[in-house]
């Protein structure tokens, strides 16, 4: 009974927080978030996505610094997105540290890998993005897309043709 009540309370808080973010009421969303004692990865991810959407990604890194729980794949992917959006020294330091400490079982997750490659490319670290791309066993179209977009961002669009050919050879497109 008590666990159901707590579970429902967390769900309601997450819905309210998401609604506040969608209404661009960042202050009240932050206030609600700070009042929650046992924050879950889901709560952090909702908050992070809302902050990124509302163009205050720097606050994502502030909350990350306060985070006392182990990040799951959704939170990690959202953190990579925030770092990519910010693309400043702090974001680069945090993003690369998160990537270095990322659990091995996350490295073949298409969503996390796509976010990480996108982040690295936005940092201008083409070599690290390519190294990560090559290490992924089962690549989805989204990972190829992140790599090609990164090549375009970094003035290496000629590399896209090779990647496109690889996608055709592997029947991805």
N, C-alpha and C. Protein backbone atom coordinates (compact mmCIF):
# COMPACT_ATOMS: atom_id res chain seq x y z
N UNK A 1 0.83 -1.20 0.00
CA UNK A 1 0.00 0.00 0.00
C UNK A 1 0.87 1.26 0.00
N UNK A 2 1.84 1.33 0.92
CA UNK A 2 2.70 2.50 1.01
C UNK A 2 3.57 2.65 -0.23
N UNK A 3 4.08 1.52 -0.76
CA UNK A 3 4.92 1.60 -1.96
C UNK A 3 4.11 2.08 -3.16
N UNK A 4 2.83 1.66 -3.25
CA UNK A 4 1.96 2.15 -4.32
C UNK A 4 1.73 3.64 -4.21
N UNK A 5 1.52 4.11 -2.99
CA UNK A 5 1.29 5.53 -2.75
C UNK A 5 2.52 6.34 -3.14
N UNK A 6 3.71 5.85 -2.75
CA UNK A 6 4.95 6.54 -3.10
C UNK A 6 5.18 6.54 -4.60
N UNK A 7 4.90 5.41 -5.24
CA UNK A 7 5.06 5.31 -6.68
C UNK A 7 4.14 6.30 -7.39
N UNK A 8 2.89 6.38 -6.94
CA UNK A 8 1.94 7.32 -7.53
C UNK A 8 2.37 8.77 -7.28
N UNK A 9 2.90 9.04 -6.10
CA UNK A 9 3.37 10.39 -5.78
C UNK A 9 4.49 10.80 -6.73
N UNK A 10 5.44 9.89 -6.98
CA UNK A 10 6.54 10.19 -7.91
C UNK A 10 6.01 10.44 -9.32
N UNK A 11 5.03 9.63 -9.73
CA UNK A 11 4.46 9.81 -11.07
C UNK A 11 3.77 11.17 -11.19
N UNK A 12 3.02 11.53 -10.17
CA UNK A 12 2.32 12.82 -10.18
C UNK A 12 3.33 13.97 -10.20
N UNK A 13 4.38 13.86 -9.39
CA UNK A 13 5.41 14.90 -9.38
C UNK A 13 6.07 15.02 -10.75
N UNK A 14 6.34 13.90 -11.38
CA UNK A 14 6.97 13.92 -12.71
C UNK A 14 6.04 14.57 -13.74
N UNK A 15 4.76 14.25 -13.68
CA UNK A 15 3.79 14.83 -14.61
C UNK A 15 3.68 16.34 -14.39
N UNK A 16 3.60 16.75 -13.14
CA UNK A 16 3.51 18.19 -12.84
C UNK A 16 4.77 18.89 -13.32
N UNK A 17 5.92 18.29 -13.04
CA UNK A 17 7.19 18.89 -13.45
C UNK A 17 7.26 19.02 -14.97
N UNK A 18 6.88 17.97 -15.67
CA UNK A 18 6.89 18.00 -17.14
C UNK A 18 5.95 19.08 -17.66
N UNK A 19 4.77 19.19 -17.05
CA UNK A 19 3.79 20.21 -17.45
C UNK A 19 4.34 21.62 -17.21
N UNK A 20 4.98 21.82 -16.07
CA UNK A 20 5.58 23.12 -15.77
C UNK A 20 6.65 23.47 -16.81
N UNK A 21 7.46 22.50 -17.17
CA UNK A 21 8.50 22.74 -18.17
C UNK A 21 7.89 23.06 -19.53
N UNK A 22 6.86 22.33 -19.89
CA UNK A 22 6.19 22.59 -21.18
C UNK A 22 5.56 23.98 -21.20
N UNK A 23 5.18 24.48 -20.02
CA UNK A 23 4.61 25.83 -19.90
C UNK A 23 5.70 26.89 -19.72
N UNK A 24 6.95 26.45 -19.78
CA UNK A 24 8.12 27.33 -19.62
C UNK A 24 8.19 27.97 -18.23
N UNK A 25 7.58 27.30 -17.24
CA UNK A 25 7.61 27.77 -15.86
C UNK A 25 8.79 27.10 -15.15
N UNK A 26 9.97 27.51 -15.52
CA UNK A 26 11.20 26.87 -15.04
C UNK A 26 11.37 27.03 -13.54
N UNK A 27 11.07 28.22 -13.02
CA UNK A 27 11.27 28.46 -11.58
C UNK A 27 10.45 27.51 -10.72
N UNK A 28 9.16 27.35 -11.06
CA UNK A 28 8.33 26.43 -10.28
C UNK A 28 8.73 24.98 -10.49
N UNK A 29 9.16 24.64 -11.70
CA UNK A 29 9.64 23.28 -11.96
C UNK A 29 10.88 23.00 -11.11
N UNK A 30 11.79 23.97 -11.06
CA UNK A 30 13.01 23.81 -10.24
C UNK A 30 12.64 23.70 -8.76
N UNK A 31 11.68 24.51 -8.33
CA UNK A 31 11.25 24.47 -6.93
C UNK A 31 10.65 23.11 -6.59
N UNK A 32 9.77 22.62 -7.45
CA UNK A 32 9.18 21.29 -7.22
C UNK A 32 10.27 20.23 -7.20
N UNK A 33 11.16 20.29 -8.16
CA UNK A 33 12.24 19.30 -8.25
C UNK A 33 13.09 19.31 -6.98
N UNK A 34 13.43 20.49 -6.49
CA UNK A 34 14.28 20.58 -5.30
C UNK A 34 13.56 20.08 -4.05
N UNK A 35 12.22 20.07 -4.06
CA UNK A 35 11.47 19.60 -2.90
C UNK A 35 11.37 18.07 -2.84
N UNK A 36 11.72 17.41 -3.92
CA UNK A 36 11.63 15.95 -3.96
C UNK A 36 12.86 15.36 -3.27
N UNK A 37 12.61 14.51 -2.29
CA UNK A 37 13.72 13.96 -1.49
C UNK A 37 14.48 12.85 -2.21
N UNK A 38 13.76 11.86 -2.66
CA UNK A 38 14.39 10.69 -3.29
C UNK A 38 14.17 10.76 -4.80
N UNK A 39 15.03 11.49 -5.46
CA UNK A 39 14.89 11.68 -6.90
C UNK A 39 15.33 10.43 -7.64
N UNK A 40 14.55 10.06 -8.63
CA UNK A 40 14.88 8.89 -9.46
C UNK A 40 15.53 9.36 -10.75
N UNK A 41 16.09 8.42 -11.49
CA UNK A 41 16.63 8.74 -12.81
C UNK A 41 15.54 9.31 -13.71
N UNK A 42 14.35 8.78 -13.57
CA UNK A 42 13.23 9.28 -14.38
C UNK A 42 12.99 10.76 -14.10
N UNK A 43 12.98 11.13 -12.81
CA UNK A 43 12.77 12.54 -12.45
C UNK A 43 13.88 13.42 -13.00
N UNK A 44 15.12 12.94 -12.88
CA UNK A 44 16.24 13.72 -13.42
C UNK A 44 16.11 13.87 -14.94
N UNK A 45 15.76 12.80 -15.62
CA UNK A 45 15.65 12.85 -17.08
C UNK A 45 14.55 13.82 -17.51
N UNK A 46 13.40 13.78 -16.84
CA UNK A 46 12.31 14.72 -17.14
C UNK A 46 12.81 16.16 -16.95
N UNK A 47 13.49 16.39 -15.85
CA UNK A 47 13.99 17.74 -15.56
C UNK A 47 15.04 18.16 -16.58
N UNK A 48 15.99 17.28 -16.88
CA UNK A 48 17.05 17.60 -17.84
C UNK A 48 16.46 17.94 -19.21
N UNK A 49 15.53 17.11 -19.68
CA UNK A 49 14.92 17.36 -21.00
C UNK A 49 14.20 18.70 -21.02
N UNK A 50 13.48 19.00 -19.95
CA UNK A 50 12.77 20.27 -19.86
C UNK A 50 13.71 21.46 -19.89
N UNK A 51 14.82 21.35 -19.19
CA UNK A 51 15.80 22.44 -19.16
C UNK A 51 16.44 22.64 -20.53
N UNK A 52 16.76 21.54 -21.19
CA UNK A 52 17.35 21.63 -22.54
C UNK A 52 16.35 22.28 -23.50
N UNK A 53 15.11 21.82 -23.45
CA UNK A 53 14.06 22.36 -24.33
C UNK A 53 13.85 23.86 -24.09
N UNK A 54 14.01 24.28 -22.84
CA UNK A 54 13.81 25.69 -22.49
C UNK A 54 15.10 26.51 -22.56
N UNK A 55 16.09 25.97 -23.25
CA UNK A 55 17.35 26.68 -23.51
C UNK A 55 18.12 27.10 -22.25
N UNK A 56 18.04 26.27 -21.22
CA UNK A 56 18.83 26.51 -20.02
C UNK A 56 19.62 25.24 -19.67
N UNK A 57 20.32 24.73 -20.66
CA UNK A 57 21.06 23.47 -20.50
C UNK A 57 22.15 23.57 -19.44
N UNK A 58 22.65 24.77 -19.17
CA UNK A 58 23.68 24.94 -18.13
C UNK A 58 23.16 24.45 -16.78
N UNK A 59 21.86 24.61 -16.54
CA UNK A 59 21.26 24.14 -15.28
C UNK A 59 21.27 22.61 -15.20
N UNK A 60 21.28 21.95 -16.35
CA UNK A 60 21.38 20.49 -16.36
C UNK A 60 22.69 20.07 -15.70
N UNK A 61 23.77 20.75 -16.06
CA UNK A 61 25.07 20.41 -15.49
C UNK A 61 25.12 20.75 -14.00
N UNK A 62 24.43 21.81 -13.59
CA UNK A 62 24.36 22.14 -12.17
C UNK A 62 23.66 21.02 -11.40
N UNK A 63 22.53 20.54 -11.94
CA UNK A 63 21.81 19.44 -11.29
C UNK A 63 22.63 18.15 -11.32
N UNK A 64 23.32 17.93 -12.42
CA UNK A 64 24.18 16.75 -12.52
C UNK A 64 25.21 16.74 -11.39
N UNK A 65 25.79 17.91 -11.11
CA UNK A 65 26.78 18.01 -10.03
C UNK A 65 26.20 17.62 -8.68
N UNK A 66 24.89 17.80 -8.52
CA UNK A 66 24.23 17.48 -7.25
C UNK A 66 23.70 16.04 -7.21
N UNK A 67 23.72 15.36 -8.33
CA UNK A 67 23.13 14.03 -8.46
C UNK A 67 23.83 13.03 -7.55
N UNK A 68 23.04 12.31 -6.77
CA UNK A 68 23.61 11.35 -5.82
C UNK A 68 23.29 9.90 -6.18
N UNK A 69 22.70 9.68 -7.35
CA UNK A 69 22.37 8.32 -7.76
C UNK A 69 23.14 7.99 -9.05
N UNK A 70 23.29 6.71 -9.28
CA UNK A 70 23.96 6.24 -10.50
C UNK A 70 23.05 6.52 -11.70
N UNK A 71 23.62 7.04 -12.74
CA UNK A 71 22.85 7.39 -13.93
C UNK A 71 22.48 6.14 -14.73
N UNK A 72 21.24 6.14 -15.25
CA UNK A 72 20.86 5.05 -16.15
C UNK A 72 21.06 5.51 -17.59
N UNK A 73 20.71 4.65 -18.54
CA UNK A 73 20.99 4.96 -19.94
C UNK A 73 20.21 6.19 -20.44
N UNK A 74 19.02 6.42 -19.93
CA UNK A 74 18.22 7.56 -20.38
C UNK A 74 18.80 8.88 -19.85
N UNK A 75 19.17 8.87 -18.59
CA UNK A 75 19.76 10.06 -17.99
C UNK A 75 21.10 10.37 -18.65
N UNK A 76 21.89 9.34 -18.89
CA UNK A 76 23.19 9.53 -19.52
C UNK A 76 23.05 10.10 -20.93
N UNK A 77 22.14 9.57 -21.70
CA UNK A 77 21.90 10.08 -23.05
C UNK A 77 21.48 11.55 -23.03
N UNK A 78 20.62 11.90 -22.08
CA UNK A 78 20.17 13.28 -21.95
C UNK A 78 21.31 14.19 -21.51
N UNK A 79 22.18 13.69 -20.65
CA UNK A 79 23.36 14.48 -20.25
C UNK A 79 24.28 14.73 -21.44
N UNK A 80 24.48 13.71 -22.28
CA UNK A 80 25.28 13.91 -23.50
C UNK A 80 24.66 14.99 -24.38
N UNK A 81 23.32 14.97 -24.49
CA UNK A 81 22.63 15.98 -25.29
C UNK A 81 22.86 17.38 -24.72
N UNK A 82 22.78 17.51 -23.40
CA UNK A 82 23.00 18.82 -22.77
C UNK A 82 24.42 19.30 -23.04
N UNK A 83 25.38 18.41 -22.92
CA UNK A 83 26.79 18.77 -23.19
C UNK A 83 26.97 19.20 -24.64
N UNK A 84 26.31 18.51 -25.55
CA UNK A 84 26.41 18.87 -26.98
C UNK A 84 25.80 20.24 -27.24
N UNK A 85 24.67 20.52 -26.61
CA UNK A 85 24.00 21.81 -26.78
C UNK A 85 24.89 22.93 -26.26
N UNK A 86 25.47 22.73 -25.09
CA UNK A 86 26.30 23.77 -24.47
C UNK A 86 27.62 23.98 -25.21
N UNK A 87 28.30 22.87 -25.47
CA UNK A 87 29.57 22.90 -26.20
C UNK A 87 30.54 23.96 -25.67
N UNK A 88 30.70 23.99 -24.33
CA UNK A 88 31.68 24.88 -23.72
C UNK A 88 32.68 24.03 -22.93
N UNK A 89 33.65 24.66 -22.30
CA UNK A 89 34.69 23.90 -21.60
C UNK A 89 34.12 23.00 -20.51
N UNK A 90 33.19 23.51 -19.73
CA UNK A 90 32.59 22.71 -18.66
C UNK A 90 31.87 21.50 -19.24
N UNK A 91 31.09 21.72 -20.30
CA UNK A 91 30.34 20.64 -20.94
C UNK A 91 31.28 19.60 -21.52
N UNK A 92 32.37 20.05 -22.15
CA UNK A 92 33.34 19.11 -22.73
C UNK A 92 33.98 18.26 -21.64
N UNK A 93 34.34 18.89 -20.56
CA UNK A 93 34.98 18.16 -19.46
C UNK A 93 34.02 17.11 -18.88
N UNK A 94 32.80 17.52 -18.60
CA UNK A 94 31.81 16.60 -18.03
C UNK A 94 31.44 15.52 -19.03
N UNK A 95 31.17 15.90 -20.27
CA UNK A 95 30.77 14.93 -21.29
C UNK A 95 31.82 13.86 -21.52
N UNK A 96 33.08 14.28 -21.62
CA UNK A 96 34.15 13.30 -21.85
C UNK A 96 34.38 12.42 -20.63
N UNK A 97 34.20 12.99 -19.44
CA UNK A 97 34.33 12.20 -18.21
C UNK A 97 33.22 11.15 -18.13
N UNK A 98 31.99 11.57 -18.45
CA UNK A 98 30.87 10.62 -18.46
C UNK A 98 31.10 9.50 -19.46
N UNK A 99 31.62 9.87 -20.63
CA UNK A 99 31.88 8.88 -21.67
C UNK A 99 32.96 7.90 -21.23
N UNK A 100 34.00 8.40 -20.58
CA UNK A 100 35.08 7.54 -20.11
C UNK A 100 34.60 6.56 -19.03
N UNK A 101 33.64 6.99 -18.22
CA UNK A 101 33.14 6.16 -17.12
C UNK A 101 31.88 5.38 -17.49
N UNK A 102 31.44 5.52 -18.73
CA UNK A 102 30.20 4.87 -19.16
C UNK A 102 30.34 3.35 -19.04
N UNK A 103 29.35 2.69 -18.43
CA UNK A 103 29.41 1.23 -18.31
C UNK A 103 29.52 0.57 -19.68
N UNK A 104 30.28 -0.49 -19.73
CA UNK A 104 30.54 -1.20 -20.99
C UNK A 104 29.25 -1.66 -21.67
N UNK A 105 28.27 -2.08 -20.87
CA UNK A 105 27.02 -2.58 -21.46
C UNK A 105 26.19 -1.48 -22.12
N UNK A 106 26.53 -0.21 -21.91
CA UNK A 106 25.84 0.90 -22.57
C UNK A 106 26.46 1.22 -23.93
N UNK A 107 27.65 0.74 -24.19
CA UNK A 107 28.39 1.15 -25.38
C UNK A 107 27.76 0.67 -26.69
N UNK A 108 26.94 -0.34 -26.64
CA UNK A 108 26.26 -0.81 -27.85
C UNK A 108 24.79 -0.43 -27.88
N UNK A 109 24.40 0.46 -26.99
CA UNK A 109 23.03 0.99 -26.99
C UNK A 109 22.97 2.10 -28.03
N UNK A 110 22.10 1.93 -29.03
CA UNK A 110 22.03 2.88 -30.14
C UNK A 110 21.69 4.30 -29.70
N UNK A 111 20.81 4.46 -28.73
CA UNK A 111 20.41 5.80 -28.30
C UNK A 111 21.57 6.50 -27.60
N UNK A 112 22.21 5.82 -26.66
CA UNK A 112 23.34 6.42 -25.94
C UNK A 112 24.49 6.70 -26.90
N UNK A 113 24.80 5.74 -27.74
CA UNK A 113 25.92 5.91 -28.68
C UNK A 113 25.67 7.06 -29.65
N UNK A 114 24.44 7.20 -30.11
CA UNK A 114 24.10 8.31 -31.00
C UNK A 114 24.31 9.64 -30.29
N UNK A 115 23.83 9.73 -29.06
CA UNK A 115 24.00 10.97 -28.28
C UNK A 115 25.47 11.27 -28.04
N UNK A 116 26.24 10.23 -27.73
CA UNK A 116 27.67 10.42 -27.46
C UNK A 116 28.42 10.86 -28.72
N UNK A 117 28.13 10.23 -29.85
CA UNK A 117 28.78 10.60 -31.11
C UNK A 117 28.41 12.03 -31.49
N UNK A 118 27.14 12.38 -31.34
CA UNK A 118 26.70 13.74 -31.62
C UNK A 118 27.46 14.74 -30.75
N UNK A 119 27.58 14.42 -29.47
CA UNK A 119 28.30 15.30 -28.54
C UNK A 119 29.76 15.46 -28.97
N UNK A 120 30.43 14.36 -29.24
CA UNK A 120 31.84 14.43 -29.63
C UNK A 120 32.02 15.24 -30.91
N UNK A 121 31.14 15.03 -31.87
CA UNK A 121 31.24 15.78 -33.12
C UNK A 121 31.02 17.27 -32.89
N UNK A 122 30.08 17.62 -32.03
CA UNK A 122 29.85 19.04 -31.73
C UNK A 122 31.04 19.64 -30.99
N UNK A 123 31.77 18.81 -30.26
CA UNK A 123 32.99 19.28 -29.61
C UNK A 123 34.13 19.43 -30.62
N UNK A 124 33.93 18.90 -31.84
CA UNK A 124 34.98 18.93 -32.85
C UNK A 124 35.96 17.79 -32.71
N UNK A 125 35.62 16.79 -31.89
CA UNK A 125 36.49 15.64 -31.64
C UNK A 125 36.11 14.50 -32.59
N UNK A 126 36.41 14.70 -33.86
CA UNK A 126 36.03 13.75 -34.90
C UNK A 126 36.69 12.39 -34.67
N UNK A 127 37.96 12.38 -34.28
CA UNK A 127 38.67 11.11 -34.08
C UNK A 127 38.01 10.25 -33.01
N UNK A 128 37.65 10.85 -31.88
CA UNK A 128 37.00 10.07 -30.81
C UNK A 128 35.64 9.57 -31.26
N UNK A 129 34.91 10.39 -32.01
CA UNK A 129 33.59 9.97 -32.52
C UNK A 129 33.75 8.80 -33.48
N UNK A 130 34.76 8.87 -34.36
CA UNK A 130 35.00 7.76 -35.30
C UNK A 130 35.42 6.50 -34.55
N UNK A 131 36.26 6.65 -33.55
CA UNK A 131 36.70 5.50 -32.76
C UNK A 131 35.50 4.83 -32.08
N UNK A 132 34.62 5.65 -31.52
CA UNK A 132 33.44 5.10 -30.87
C UNK A 132 32.54 4.41 -31.90
N UNK A 133 32.35 5.05 -33.05
CA UNK A 133 31.54 4.49 -34.12
C UNK A 133 32.06 3.11 -34.53
N UNK A 134 33.36 3.00 -34.73
CA UNK A 134 33.95 1.72 -35.14
C UNK A 134 33.79 0.64 -34.07
N UNK A 135 33.72 1.03 -32.80
CA UNK A 135 33.63 0.04 -31.72
C UNK A 135 32.21 -0.52 -31.53
N UNK A 136 31.23 0.11 -32.13
CA UNK A 136 29.84 -0.31 -31.96
C UNK A 136 29.55 -1.50 -32.87
N UNK A 137 29.05 -2.58 -32.28
CA UNK A 137 28.83 -3.81 -33.04
C UNK A 137 27.62 -3.72 -33.96
N UNK A 138 26.48 -3.35 -33.41
CA UNK A 138 25.23 -3.29 -34.20
C UNK A 138 24.82 -1.83 -34.35
N UNK A 139 25.13 -1.27 -35.50
CA UNK A 139 24.86 0.15 -35.74
C UNK A 139 23.50 0.33 -36.40
N UNK A 140 22.72 1.24 -35.85
CA UNK A 140 21.45 1.61 -36.46
C UNK A 140 21.63 2.84 -37.34
N UNK A 141 20.61 3.14 -38.12
CA UNK A 141 20.67 4.29 -39.03
C UNK A 141 20.91 5.59 -38.29
N UNK A 142 20.40 5.67 -37.05
CA UNK A 142 20.59 6.91 -36.28
C UNK A 142 22.07 7.16 -35.95
N UNK A 143 22.83 6.12 -35.71
CA UNK A 143 24.26 6.27 -35.42
C UNK A 143 25.00 6.74 -36.67
N UNK A 144 24.67 6.14 -37.80
CA UNK A 144 25.27 6.59 -39.07
C UNK A 144 24.91 8.05 -39.32
N UNK A 145 23.66 8.40 -39.05
CA UNK A 145 23.21 9.78 -39.25
C UNK A 145 23.96 10.76 -38.38
N UNK A 146 24.21 10.39 -37.12
CA UNK A 146 24.96 11.28 -36.21
C UNK A 146 26.38 11.48 -36.72
N UNK A 147 26.99 10.41 -37.22
CA UNK A 147 28.35 10.51 -37.74
C UNK A 147 28.39 11.41 -38.98
N UNK A 148 27.45 11.20 -39.90
CA UNK A 148 27.42 12.02 -41.12
C UNK A 148 27.12 13.49 -40.80
N UNK A 149 26.20 13.73 -39.89
CA UNK A 149 25.90 15.10 -39.49
C UNK A 149 27.15 15.74 -38.88
N UNK A 150 27.87 14.97 -38.08
CA UNK A 150 29.10 15.47 -37.47
C UNK A 150 30.17 15.81 -38.50
N UNK A 151 30.28 14.97 -39.53
CA UNK A 151 31.22 15.28 -40.60
C UNK A 151 30.87 16.61 -41.26
N UNK A 152 29.59 16.82 -41.51
CA UNK A 152 29.15 18.09 -42.11
C UNK A 152 29.47 19.27 -41.20
N UNK A 153 29.22 19.11 -39.90
CA UNK A 153 29.51 20.18 -38.93
C UNK A 153 30.99 20.53 -38.89
N UNK A 154 31.82 19.53 -39.10
CA UNK A 154 33.27 19.72 -38.97
C UNK A 154 33.98 19.89 -40.31
N UNK A 155 33.23 20.19 -41.35
CA UNK A 155 33.83 20.46 -42.66
C UNK A 155 34.45 19.25 -43.33
N UNK A 156 33.98 18.06 -43.00
CA UNK A 156 34.50 16.83 -43.59
C UNK A 156 33.38 16.07 -44.31
N UNK A 157 32.54 16.81 -45.01
CA UNK A 157 31.36 16.20 -45.63
C UNK A 157 31.71 15.13 -46.67
N UNK A 158 32.90 15.19 -47.23
CA UNK A 158 33.32 14.17 -48.20
C UNK A 158 33.34 12.77 -47.59
N UNK A 159 33.49 12.68 -46.26
CA UNK A 159 33.49 11.37 -45.60
C UNK A 159 32.09 10.74 -45.57
N UNK A 160 31.07 11.56 -45.76
CA UNK A 160 29.69 11.05 -45.74
C UNK A 160 29.44 10.03 -46.84
N UNK A 161 30.09 10.22 -47.98
CA UNK A 161 29.88 9.30 -49.11
C UNK A 161 30.32 7.88 -48.75
N UNK A 162 31.44 7.77 -48.07
CA UNK A 162 31.94 6.45 -47.65
C UNK A 162 30.96 5.81 -46.66
N UNK A 163 30.47 6.61 -45.72
CA UNK A 163 29.53 6.10 -44.72
C UNK A 163 28.22 5.69 -45.40
N UNK A 164 27.77 6.50 -46.35
CA UNK A 164 26.56 6.19 -47.09
C UNK A 164 26.70 4.86 -47.83
N UNK A 165 27.85 4.64 -48.45
CA UNK A 165 28.11 3.37 -49.16
C UNK A 165 28.10 2.20 -48.18
N UNK A 166 28.68 2.40 -47.00
CA UNK A 166 28.67 1.34 -45.97
C UNK A 166 27.24 1.01 -45.56
N UNK A 167 26.41 2.04 -45.44
CA UNK A 167 25.00 1.81 -45.08
C UNK A 167 24.29 0.99 -46.16
N UNK A 168 24.58 1.28 -47.41
CA UNK A 168 23.96 0.53 -48.51
C UNK A 168 24.45 -0.92 -48.50
N UNK A 169 25.76 -1.13 -48.28
CA UNK A 169 26.32 -2.48 -48.24
C UNK A 169 25.70 -3.31 -47.13
N UNK A 170 25.38 -2.68 -46.02
CA UNK A 170 24.83 -3.40 -44.86
C UNK A 170 23.31 -3.38 -44.84
N UNK A 171 22.70 -2.95 -45.94
CA UNK A 171 21.24 -2.89 -46.06
C UNK A 171 20.56 -2.08 -44.96
N UNK A 172 21.21 -1.01 -44.55
CA UNK A 172 20.62 -0.14 -43.54
C UNK A 172 19.68 0.86 -44.21
N UNK A 173 19.99 1.15 -45.48
CA UNK A 173 19.09 2.03 -46.25
C UNK A 173 18.66 1.33 -47.52
